[in-house]
Amino acid sequence: MGAFLAREKSQQSDFKRTSPCLSPAARGDGLYKGTPRPFCVPVDHAEENLFPEIRQAALAYFKAHGIQWHDGHDGKPSNHLCDSQVCCVNLLFPFAHRPDALAAVLRPLFPALRAMLPIEGGQYVTFEWIGKENYLKERTGAKGTRTRGANCTSADAAVVFERTDGTRQTLLIEWKHTESYGPVPLRLAKWAQHLRHRHLSPRWQSSPSVISPPVFPDLERPASMRSA
């Protein structure tokens, strides 16, 4: 377990004991993967993992759009206080109906941002966004349906804004909290992308059916040594 994750678990355990955002019933150890843990709330109170001011609105939004909560139960989010999806919703959902505040947050990174535009259901932020088409040609359900947040590639959050030149830009947001990844999974992910491109692109049709996995030296070095 990394030092950051250990520190976050300790801080979240302290938060659970002292925060006015939680009810007394939510302060007990929560069962997670079969073990009671101090950095989790009881599953019956998992909705209290969401910030009180957005709690009911976020639950309703996820239900209305068929969005799956990661590690969730009965339409509620994960009871783990270090959950990344919950972290993303807690921090971004408050901007869902505050376009000027959202623009102020994003403009230092995107100086050409003129104004935020609604992306879904009148909101200026959406979650587990998969777009309107199956761009990656992933497997779908029997009726060609896809489930946001489960079994297909989703952006953790997404926003749309108008640029000063009048064009629209969609920003897909990847959100992490305490996860960590080694170089091998990243290399395999790049290889899977390579194979997908080979399968979809006509220029590969005459190529041999078996080729060796590519080497990505930049991903094999320690993070501190990788190029920017």
C-alpha atoms as a PDB file:
ATOM      1  CA  MET A   1       0.000   0.000   0.000  1.00  0.00           C
ATOM      2  CA  GLY A   2       1.416   3.393  -1.015  1.00  0.00           C
ATOM      3  CA  ALA A   3       2.129   6.127   1.511  1.00  0.00           C
ATOM      4  CA  PHE A   4      -0.501   8.426  -0.009  1.00  0.00           C
ATOM      5  CA  LEU A   5      -3.208   5.755   0.202  1.00  0.00           C
ATOM      6  CA  ALA A   6      -2.296   4.966   3.804  1.00  0.00           C
ATOM      7  CA  ARG A   7      -2.430   8.675   4.680  1.00  0.00           C
ATOM      8  CA  GLU A   8      -5.782   9.107   2.928  1.00  0.00           C
ATOM      9  CA  LYS A   9      -7.297   6.143   4.751  1.00  0.00           C
ATOM     10  CA  SER A  10      -6.175   7.618   8.062  1.00  0.00           C
ATOM     11  CA  GLN A  11      -7.502  11.087   7.184  1.00  0.00           C
ATOM     12  CA  GLN A  12     -10.817   9.725   5.962  1.00  0.00           C
ATOM     13  CA  SER A  13     -11.197   7.690   9.149  1.00  0.00           C
ATOM     14  CA  ASP A  14     -10.676  10.888  11.160  1.00  0.00           C
ATOM     15  CA  PHE A  15     -13.108  12.745   8.909  1.00  0.00           C
ATOM     16  CA  LYS A  16     -15.769  10.087   9.464  1.00  0.00           C
ATOM     17  CA  ARG A  17     -15.503  10.411  13.237  1.00  0.00           C
ATOM     18  CA  THR A  18     -15.679  14.207  13.343  1.00  0.00           C
ATOM     19  CA  SER A  19     -17.456  15.565  10.253  1.00  0.00           C
ATOM     20  CA  PRO A  20     -20.904  17.163  10.696  1.00  0.00           C
ATOM     21  CA  CYS A  21     -21.713  15.856   7.194  1.00  0.00           C
ATOM     22  CA  LEU A  22     -22.327  12.345   8.548  1.00  0.00           C
ATOM     23  CA  SER A  23     -25.065  11.017  10.774  1.00  0.00           C
ATOM     24  CA  PRO A  24     -24.164   9.103  13.971  1.00  0.00           C
ATOM     25  CA  ALA A  25     -25.240   5.864  12.281  1.00  0.00           C
ATOM     26  CA  ALA A  26     -22.730   6.417   9.451  1.00  0.00           C
ATOM     27  CA  ARG A  27     -19.727   6.685  11.777  1.00  0.00           C
ATOM     28  CA  GLY A  28     -19.344   2.973  12.434  1.00  0.00           C
ATOM     29  CA  ASP A  29     -16.965   0.723  10.501  1.00  0.00           C
ATOM     30  CA  GLY A  30     -18.237  -0.138   7.042  1.00  0.00           C
ATOM     31  CA  LEU A  31     -18.064  -3.608   5.554  1.00  0.00           C
ATOM     32  CA  TYR A  32     -15.924  -3.614   2.408  1.00  0.00           C
ATOM     33  CA  LYS A  33     -15.010  -6.847   0.627  1.00  0.00           C
ATOM     34  CA  GLY A  34     -16.121  -8.797   3.669  1.00  0.00           C
ATOM     35  CA  THR A  35     -14.062  -6.899   6.243  1.00  0.00           C
ATOM     36  CA  PRO A  36     -15.130  -4.038   8.584  1.00  0.00           C
ATOM     37  CA  ARG A  37     -13.002  -0.993   7.808  1.00  0.00           C
ATOM     38  CA  PRO A  38     -12.768   2.374   9.633  1.00  0.00           C
ATOM     39  CA  PHE A  39     -12.347   4.294   6.357  1.00  0.00           C
ATOM     40  CA  CYS A  40     -15.704   3.065   5.043  1.00  0.00           C
ATOM     41  CA  VAL A  41     -19.242   3.963   6.069  1.00  0.00           C
ATOM     42  CA  PRO A  42     -21.828   1.220   6.663  1.00  0.00           C
ATOM     43  CA  VAL A  43     -23.343   0.057   3.359  1.00  0.00           C
ATOM     44  CA  ASP A  44     -26.822   1.063   4.557  1.00  0.00           C
ATOM     45  CA  HIS A  45     -25.552   4.657   4.751  1.00  0.00           C
ATOM     46  CA  ALA A  46     -23.417   4.690   1.591  1.00  0.00           C
ATOM     47  CA  GLU A  47     -25.301   7.737   0.263  1.00  0.00           C
ATOM     48  CA  GLU A  48     -23.644   9.737   3.049  1.00  0.00           C
ATOM     49  CA  ASN A  49     -20.369   9.336   1.166  1.00  0.00           C
ATOM     50  CA  LEU A  50     -21.728  12.157  -1.008  1.00  0.00           C
ATOM     51  CA  PHE A  51     -21.504  15.827  -0.011  1.00  0.00           C
ATOM     52  CA  PRO A  52     -24.837  16.758   1.645  1.00  0.00           C
ATOM     53  CA  GLU A  53     -25.579  19.688  -0.682  1.00  0.00           C
ATOM     54  CA  ILE A  54     -25.441  17.496  -3.813  1.00  0.00           C
ATOM     55  CA  ARG A  55     -26.434  14.143  -2.280  1.00  0.00           C
ATOM     56  CA  GLN A  56     -30.036  13.803  -3.445  1.00  0.00           C
ATOM     57  CA  ALA A  57     -29.449  15.549  -6.777  1.00  0.00           C
ATOM     58  CA  ALA A  58     -26.488  13.309  -7.626  1.00  0.00           C
ATOM     59  CA  LEU A  59     -28.370  10.136  -6.691  1.00  0.00           C
ATOM     60  CA  ALA A  60     -31.334  11.213  -8.810  1.00  0.00           C
ATOM     61  CA  TYR A  61     -29.117  12.159 -11.762  1.00  0.00           C
ATOM     62  CA  PHE A  62     -27.292   8.826 -11.788  1.00  0.00           C
ATOM     63  CA  LYS A  63     -30.604   6.958 -11.576  1.00  0.00           C
ATOM     64  CA  ALA A  64     -32.262   8.987 -14.340  1.00  0.00           C
ATOM     65  CA  HIS A  65     -29.380   8.391 -16.750  1.00  0.00           C
ATOM     66  CA  GLY A  66     -28.746   4.756 -15.860  1.00  0.00           C
ATOM     67  CA  ILE A  67     -25.236   5.486 -14.567  1.00  0.00           C
ATOM     68  CA  GLN A  68     -23.656   2.769 -12.452  1.00  0.00           C
ATOM     69  CA  TRP A  69     -21.938   3.574  -9.170  1.00  0.00           C
ATOM     70  CA  HIS A  70     -18.610   1.764  -8.854  1.00  0.00           C
ATOM     71  CA  ASP A  71     -18.802  -0.722  -5.963  1.00  0.00           C
ATOM     72  CA  GLY A  72     -22.294   0.615  -5.348  1.00  0.00           C
ATOM     73  CA  HIS A  73     -25.304  -1.133  -3.846  1.00  0.00           C
ATOM     74  CA  ASP A  74     -29.031  -0.539  -4.412  1.00  0.00           C
ATOM     75  CA  GLY A  75     -28.511   2.649  -6.415  1.00  0.00           C
ATOM     76  CA  LYS A  76     -26.099   4.108  -3.872  1.00  0.00           C
ATOM     77  CA  PRO A  77     -22.400   4.939  -4.323  1.00  0.00           C
ATOM     78  CA  SER A  78     -19.468   3.049  -2.899  1.00  0.00           C
ATOM     79  CA  ASN A  79     -19.195   3.124   0.886  1.00  0.00           C
ATOM     80  CA  HIS A  80     -15.387   3.476   0.607  1.00  0.00           C
ATOM     81  CA  LEU A  81     -14.320   7.010   1.541  1.00  0.00           C
ATOM     82  CA  CYS A  82     -11.322   6.848  -0.832  1.00  0.00           C
ATOM     83  CA  ASP A  83     -13.465   5.938  -3.850  1.00  0.00           C
ATOM     84  CA  SER A  84     -12.412   7.920  -6.940  1.00  0.00           C
ATOM     85  CA  GLN A  85     -15.846   8.118  -8.534  1.00  0.00           C
ATOM     86  CA  VAL A  86     -17.327   9.537  -5.336  1.00  0.00           C
ATOM     87  CA  CYS A  87     -14.420  11.979  -5.100  1.00  0.00           C
ATOM     88  CA  CYS A  88     -15.067  13.114  -8.680  1.00  0.00           C
ATOM     89  CA  VAL A  89     -18.794  13.612  -8.085  1.00  0.00           C
ATOM     90  CA  ASN A  90     -18.263  15.400  -4.766  1.00  0.00           C
ATOM     91  CA  LEU A  91     -15.891  17.904  -6.343  1.00  0.00           C
ATOM     92  CA  LEU A  92     -17.511  18.476  -9.742  1.00  0.00           C
ATOM     93  CA  PHE A  93     -21.251  18.024  -9.215  1.00  0.00           C
ATOM     94  CA  PRO A  94     -21.510  21.323  -7.287  1.00  0.00           C
ATOM     95  CA  PHE A  95     -20.577  23.033 -10.591  1.00  0.00           C
ATOM     96  CA  ALA A  96     -23.350  21.269 -12.545  1.00  0.00           C
ATOM     97  CA  HIS A  97     -25.568  24.366 -12.460  1.00  0.00           C
ATOM     98  CA  ARG A  98     -22.895  27.016 -11.898  1.00  0.00           C
ATOM     99  CA  PRO A  99     -21.368  27.627 -15.355  1.00  0.00           C
ATOM    100  CA  ASP A 100     -19.607  30.864 -14.407  1.00  0.00           C
ATOM    101  CA  ALA A 101     -17.867  29.239 -11.442  1.00  0.00           C
ATOM    102  CA  LEU A 102     -16.915  26.230 -13.573  1.00  0.00           C
ATOM    103  CA  ALA A 103     -15.506  28.527 -16.254  1.00  0.00           C
ATOM    104  CA  ALA A 104     -13.423  30.337 -13.634  1.00  0.00           C
ATOM    105  CA  VAL A 105     -11.922  26.997 -12.560  1.00  0.00           C
ATOM    106  CA  LEU A 106     -11.102  25.856 -16.096  1.00  0.00           C
ATOM    107  CA  ARG A 107     -10.029  29.123 -17.735  1.00  0.00           C
ATOM    108  CA  PRO A 108      -6.457  29.102 -16.297  1.00  0.00           C
ATOM    109  CA  LEU A 109      -5.961  25.797 -18.158  1.00  0.00           C
ATOM    110  CA  PHE A 110      -7.963  26.827 -21.233  1.00  0.00           C
ATOM    111  CA  PRO A 111      -7.446  30.579 -21.764  1.00  0.00           C
ATOM    112  CA  ALA A 112      -9.582  30.524 -24.917  1.00  0.00           C
ATOM    113  CA  LEU A 113     -12.657  29.435 -22.910  1.00  0.00           C
ATOM    114  CA  ARG A 114     -15.457  31.957 -23.466  1.00  0.00           C
ATOM    115  CA  ALA A 115     -18.418  30.266 -21.774  1.00  0.00           C
ATOM    116  CA  MET A 116     -19.545  26.870 -20.555  1.00  0.00           C
ATOM    117  CA  LEU A 117     -22.289  25.083 -22.497  1.00  0.00           C
ATOM    118  CA  PRO A 118     -24.816  22.582 -21.115  1.00  0.00           C
ATOM    119  CA  ILE A 119     -23.832  19.012 -21.918  1.00  0.00           C
ATOM    120  CA  GLU A 120     -26.716  16.866 -20.675  1.00  0.00           C
ATOM    121  CA  GLY A 121     -30.113  17.465 -19.117  1.00  0.00           C
ATOM    122  CA  GLY A 122     -29.378  21.153 -18.644  1.00  0.00           C
ATOM    123  CA  GLN A 123     -26.285  20.394 -16.568  1.00  0.00           C
ATOM    124  CA  TYR A 124     -22.828  21.762 -17.309  1.00  0.00           C
ATOM    125  CA  VAL A 125     -21.046  18.654 -15.981  1.00  0.00           C
ATOM    126  CA  THR A 126     -21.891  15.028 -16.648  1.00  0.00           C
ATOM    127  CA  PHE A 127     -20.392  11.770 -15.428  1.00  0.00           C
ATOM    128  CA  GLU A 128     -19.362   8.398 -16.880  1.00  0.00           C
ATOM    129  CA  TRP A 129     -19.782   9.921 -20.321  1.00  0.00           C
ATOM    130  CA  ILE A 130     -19.749   7.457 -23.250  1.00  0.00           C
ATOM    131  CA  GLY A 131     -20.945   9.750 -26.018  1.00  0.00           C
ATOM    132  CA  LYS A 132     -23.836   9.160 -28.361  1.00  0.00           C
ATOM    133  CA  GLU A 133     -22.048   6.575 -30.519  1.00  0.00           C
ATOM    134  CA  ASN A 134     -19.998   3.457 -29.822  1.00  0.00           C
ATOM    135  CA  TYR A 135     -16.784   5.072 -31.065  1.00  0.00           C
ATOM    136  CA  LEU A 136     -14.506   2.230 -29.903  1.00  0.00           C
ATOM    137  CA  LYS A 137     -16.711  -0.528 -31.323  1.00  0.00           C
ATOM    138  CA  GLU A 138     -16.989  -2.170 -27.916  1.00  0.00           C
ATOM    139  CA  ARG A 139     -19.329  -5.009 -27.065  1.00  0.00           C
ATOM    140  CA  THR A 140     -22.879  -4.005 -26.260  1.00  0.00           C
ATOM    141  CA  GLY A 141     -25.909  -5.616 -24.681  1.00  0.00           C
ATOM    142  CA  ALA A 142     -28.334  -7.802 -26.597  1.00  0.00           C
ATOM    143  CA  LYS A 143     -30.220  -4.727 -27.799  1.00  0.00           C
ATOM    144  CA  GLY A 144     -27.082  -2.765 -28.628  1.00  0.00           C
ATOM    145  CA  THR A 145     -27.228  -0.860 -25.364  1.00  0.00           C
ATOM    146  CA  ARG A 146     -24.270   0.338 -23.302  1.00  0.00           C
ATOM    147  CA  THR A 147     -24.178   0.989 -19.568  1.00  0.00           C
ATOM    148  CA  ARG A 148     -22.476   4.127 -18.383  1.00  0.00           C
ATOM    149  CA  GLY A 149     -19.943   3.343 -15.681  1.00  0.00           C
ATOM    150  CA  ALA A 150     -19.817  -0.409 -16.355  1.00  0.00           C
ATOM    151  CA  ASN A 151     -18.541  -2.743 -19.076  1.00  0.00           C
ATOM    152  CA  CYS A 152     -17.544  -0.028 -21.531  1.00  0.00           C
ATOM    153  CA  THR A 153     -15.102   2.847 -21.745  1.00  0.00           C
ATOM    154  CA  SER A 154     -16.408   5.955 -19.990  1.00  0.00           C
ATOM    155  CA  ALA A 155     -14.926   9.370 -19.265  1.00  0.00           C
ATOM    156  CA  ASP A 156     -15.190   9.960 -15.522  1.00  0.00           C
ATOM    157  CA  ALA A 157     -16.655  13.389 -16.232  1.00  0.00           C
ATOM    158  CA  ALA A 158     -17.164  15.644 -19.231  1.00  0.00           C
ATOM    159  CA  VAL A 159     -17.889  19.309 -19.960  1.00  0.00           C
ATOM    160  CA  VAL A 160     -18.367  21.397 -23.095  1.00  0.00           C
ATOM    161  CA  PHE A 161     -17.384  25.022 -23.620  1.00  0.00           C
ATOM    162  CA  GLU A 162     -17.379  27.627 -26.335  1.00  0.00           C
ATOM    163  CA  ARG A 163     -14.006  29.039 -27.324  1.00  0.00           C
ATOM    164  CA  THR A 164     -13.279  32.658 -28.120  1.00  0.00           C
ATOM    165  CA  ASP A 165     -13.136  31.753 -31.833  1.00  0.00           C
ATOM    166  CA  GLY A 166     -16.732  30.492 -31.659  1.00  0.00           C
ATOM    167  CA  THR A 167     -15.932  26.782 -31.861  1.00  0.00           C
ATOM    168  CA  ARG A 168     -17.051  24.205 -29.293  1.00  0.00           C
ATOM    169  CA  GLN A 169     -14.663  22.042 -27.323  1.00  0.00           C
ATOM    170  CA  THR A 170     -15.511  18.902 -25.352  1.00  0.00           C
ATOM    171  CA  LEU A 171     -13.306  18.184 -22.378  1.00  0.00           C
ATOM    172  CA  LEU A 172     -13.150  14.584 -21.153  1.00  0.00           C
ATOM    173  CA  ILE A 173     -11.954  14.255 -17.570  1.00  0.00           C
ATOM    174  CA  GLU A 174     -10.114  11.270 -16.075  1.00  0.00           C
ATOM    175  CA  TRP A 175     -10.252  11.294 -12.277  1.00  0.00           C
ATOM    176  CA  LYS A 176      -8.034   9.379  -9.871  1.00  0.00           C
ATOM    177  CA  HIS A 177      -7.754   9.542  -6.103  1.00  0.00           C
ATOM    178  CA  THR A 178      -5.634   6.776  -4.566  1.00  0.00           C
ATOM    179  CA  GLU A 179      -5.075   4.364  -7.479  1.00  0.00           C
ATOM    180  CA  SER A 180      -1.580   3.471  -8.611  1.00  0.00           C
ATOM    181  CA  TYR A 181      -0.417   1.687 -11.759  1.00  0.00           C
ATOM    182  CA  GLY A 182       2.865   0.047 -12.701  1.00  0.00           C
ATOM    183  CA  PRO A 183       4.493   0.231 -16.150  1.00  0.00           C
ATOM    184  CA  VAL A 184       3.376  -3.234 -17.321  1.00  0.00           C
ATOM    185  CA  PRO A 185      -0.390  -2.511 -17.291  1.00  0.00           C
ATOM    186  CA  LEU A 186       0.245   0.738 -19.188  1.00  0.00           C
ATOM    187  CA  ARG A 187       2.284  -1.137 -21.782  1.00  0.00           C
ATOM    188  CA  LEU A 188      -0.477  -3.699 -22.222  1.00  0.00           C
ATOM    189  CA  ALA A 189      -3.034  -0.931 -22.556  1.00  0.00           C
ATOM    190  CA  LYS A 190      -0.982   0.650 -25.340  1.00  0.00           C
ATOM    191  CA  TRP A 191      -0.695  -2.760 -27.000  1.00  0.00           C
ATOM    192  CA  ALA A 192      -4.476  -3.240 -26.850  1.00  0.00           C
ATOM    193  CA  GLN A 193      -4.917   0.172 -28.478  1.00  0.00           C
ATOM    194  CA  HIS A 194      -2.400  -0.846 -31.141  1.00  0.00           C
ATOM    195  CA  LEU A 195      -4.344  -4.051 -31.879  1.00  0.00           C
ATOM    196  CA  ARG A 196      -7.644  -2.194 -32.068  1.00  0.00           C
ATOM    197  CA  HIS A 197      -6.175   0.221 -34.601  1.00  0.00           C
ATOM    198  CA  ARG A 198      -4.765  -2.707 -36.583  1.00  0.00           C
ATOM    199  CA  HIS A 199      -8.177  -4.366 -36.610  1.00  0.00           C
ATOM    200  CA  LEU A 200     -10.102  -1.268 -37.672  1.00  0.00           C
ATOM    201  CA  SER A 201      -7.701   0.213 -40.202  1.00  0.00           C
ATOM    202  CA  PRO A 202      -7.806  -1.154 -43.824  1.00  0.00           C
ATOM    203  CA  ARG A 203      -4.064  -0.609 -44.243  1.00  0.00           C
ATOM    204  CA  TRP A 204      -3.421  -3.488 -41.845  1.00  0.00           C
ATOM    205  CA  GLN A 205      -5.471  -6.050 -43.777  1.00  0.00           C
ATOM    206  CA  SER A 206      -2.515  -7.456 -45.713  1.00  0.00           C
ATOM    207  CA  SER A 207      -0.204  -7.564 -42.669  1.00  0.00           C
ATOM    208  CA  PRO A 208       0.777 -10.813 -40.895  1.00  0.00           C
ATOM    209  CA  SER A 209      -1.807 -11.975 -38.364  1.00  0.00           C
ATOM    210  CA  VAL A 210       0.802 -12.434 -35.619  1.00  0.00           C
ATOM    211  CA  ILE A 211       3.249  -9.706 -34.680  1.00  0.00           C
ATOM    212  CA  SER A 212       5.286  -9.102 -31.545  1.00  0.00           C
ATOM    213  CA  PRO A 213       4.062  -6.646 -28.896  1.00  0.00           C
ATOM    214  CA  PRO A 214       5.669  -3.231 -29.334  1.00  0.00           C
ATOM    215  CA  VAL A 215       8.087  -1.879 -26.765  1.00  0.00           C
ATOM    216  CA  PHE A 216       7.353   1.518 -25.221  1.00  0.00           C
ATOM    217  CA  PRO A 217      10.624   2.505 -23.485  1.00  0.00           C
ATOM    218  CA  ASP A 218       9.127   5.681 -22.055  1.00  0.00           C
ATOM    219  CA  LEU A 219       6.635   3.577 -20.075  1.00  0.00           C
ATOM    220  CA  GLU A 220       9.247   1.073 -18.893  1.00  0.00           C
ATOM    221  CA  ARG A 221      11.325   3.638 -17.005  1.00  0.00           C
ATOM    222  CA  PRO A 222      10.431   4.764 -13.475  1.00  0.00           C
ATOM    223  CA  ALA A 223       7.943   7.616 -13.432  1.00  0.00           C
ATOM    224  CA  SER A 224      10.581  10.069 -12.191  1.00  0.00           C
ATOM    225  CA  MET A 225      12.666   9.369 -15.316  1.00  0.00           C
ATOM    226  CA  ARG A 226       9.939   9.548 -17.960  1.00  0.00           C
ATOM    227  CA  SER A 227       9.836  12.381 -20.396  1.00  0.00           C
ATOM    228  CA  ALA A 228       7.225  15.078 -19.873  1.00  0.00           C
END
